[in-house]
C-alpha cells in the first residue's frame, strides 16, 4: 500500500504544479511533456485521474 500512496502523491503534486502554471502563466506542463497532438488521450487521462 505504501507504493500506491507514493504514486498517488506524485500524481497529486504534478497536477497541482500544472494547474498553478496554467493559472499563472497559461503554460500547460502536462501537455508539453506528452505532446498533446500526438498523445492527447494520456493528457485527458491525467486530468481525469485528478
C-alpha atoms as a PDB file:
ATOM      1  CA  UNK A   1       0.000   0.000   0.000  1.00  0.00           C
ATOM      2  CA  UNK A   2       2.949   2.306   0.586  1.00  0.00           C
ATOM      3  CA  UNK A   3       3.879   2.257  -3.099  1.00  0.00           C
ATOM      4  CA  UNK A   4       0.349   3.181  -4.142  1.00  0.00           C
ATOM      5  CA  UNK A   5       0.366   6.087  -1.693  1.00  0.00           C
ATOM      6  CA  UNK A   6       3.610   7.400  -3.151  1.00  0.00           C
ATOM      7  CA  UNK A   7       2.331   7.108  -6.729  1.00  0.00           C
ATOM      8  CA  UNK A   8      -0.836   8.967  -5.758  1.00  0.00           C
ATOM      9  CA  UNK A   9       1.225  11.677  -4.058  1.00  0.00           C
ATOM     10  CA  UNK A  10       3.436  12.144  -7.127  1.00  0.00           C
ATOM     11  CA  UNK A  11       0.384  12.426  -9.403  1.00  0.00           C
ATOM     12  CA  UNK A  12      -1.154  14.936  -6.998  1.00  0.00           C
ATOM     13  CA  UNK A  13       1.983  17.088  -6.870  1.00  0.00           C
ATOM     14  CA  UNK A  14       2.344  17.083 -10.665  1.00  0.00           C
ATOM     15  CA  UNK A  15      -1.301  18.075 -11.006  1.00  0.00           C
ATOM     16  CA  UNK A  16      -1.041  20.923  -8.513  1.00  0.00           C
ATOM     17  CA  UNK A  17       2.096  22.297 -10.172  1.00  0.00           C
ATOM     18  CA  UNK A  18       0.456  22.003 -13.591  1.00  0.00           C
ATOM     19  CA  UNK A  19      -2.690  23.849 -12.518  1.00  0.00           C
ATOM     20  CA  UNK A  20      -0.561  26.547 -10.882  1.00  0.00           C
ATOM     21  CA  UNK A  21       1.417  27.027 -14.105  1.00  0.00           C
ATOM     22  CA  UNK A  22      -1.759  27.118 -16.192  1.00  0.00           C
ATOM     23  CA  UNK A  23      -3.325  29.668 -13.860  1.00  0.00           C
ATOM     24  CA  UNK A  24      -0.338  31.972 -13.580  1.00  0.00           C
ATOM     25  CA  UNK A  25       1.462  31.666 -16.904  1.00  0.00           C
ATOM     26  CA  UNK A  26      -1.005  29.849 -19.212  1.00  0.00           C
ATOM     27  CA  UNK A  27       1.621  27.123 -19.630  1.00  0.00           C
ATOM     28  CA  UNK A  28       0.415  23.527 -19.593  1.00  0.00           C
ATOM     29  CA  UNK A  29       3.258  21.348 -18.321  1.00  0.00           C
ATOM     30  CA  UNK A  30       1.462  18.029 -18.860  1.00  0.00           C
ATOM     31  CA  UNK A  31       0.571  18.959 -22.435  1.00  0.00           C
ATOM     32  CA  UNK A  32       4.135  19.969 -23.206  1.00  0.00           C
ATOM     33  CA  UNK A  33       5.524  16.747 -21.742  1.00  0.00           C
ATOM     34  CA  UNK A  34       3.114  14.433 -23.556  1.00  0.00           C
ATOM     35  CA  UNK A  35       2.831  16.367 -26.854  1.00  0.00           C
ATOM     36  CA  UNK A  36      -0.928  16.962 -26.852  1.00  0.00           C
ATOM     37  CA  UNK A  37      -1.438  16.435 -30.565  1.00  0.00           C
ATOM     38  CA  UNK A  38       0.251  13.049 -30.539  1.00  0.00           C
ATOM     39  CA  UNK A  39      -0.888  11.596 -27.226  1.00  0.00           C
ATOM     40  CA  UNK A  40      -3.979  13.616 -26.252  1.00  0.00           C
ATOM     41  CA  UNK A  41      -5.547  10.532 -24.673  1.00  0.00           C
ATOM     42  CA  UNK A  42      -2.845  10.406 -21.994  1.00  0.00           C
ATOM     43  CA  UNK A  43      -3.317  14.062 -21.118  1.00  0.00           C
ATOM     44  CA  UNK A  44      -7.062  13.545 -20.790  1.00  0.00           C
ATOM     45  CA  UNK A  45      -6.390  10.523 -18.617  1.00  0.00           C
ATOM     46  CA  UNK A  46      -4.083  12.527 -16.364  1.00  0.00           C
ATOM     47  CA  UNK A  47      -6.761  15.186 -15.850  1.00  0.00           C
ATOM     48  CA  UNK A  48      -9.384  12.501 -15.221  1.00  0.00           C
ATOM     49  CA  UNK A  49      -7.282  10.868 -12.519  1.00  0.00           C
ATOM     50  CA  UNK A  50      -7.096  14.118 -10.601  1.00  0.00           C
END
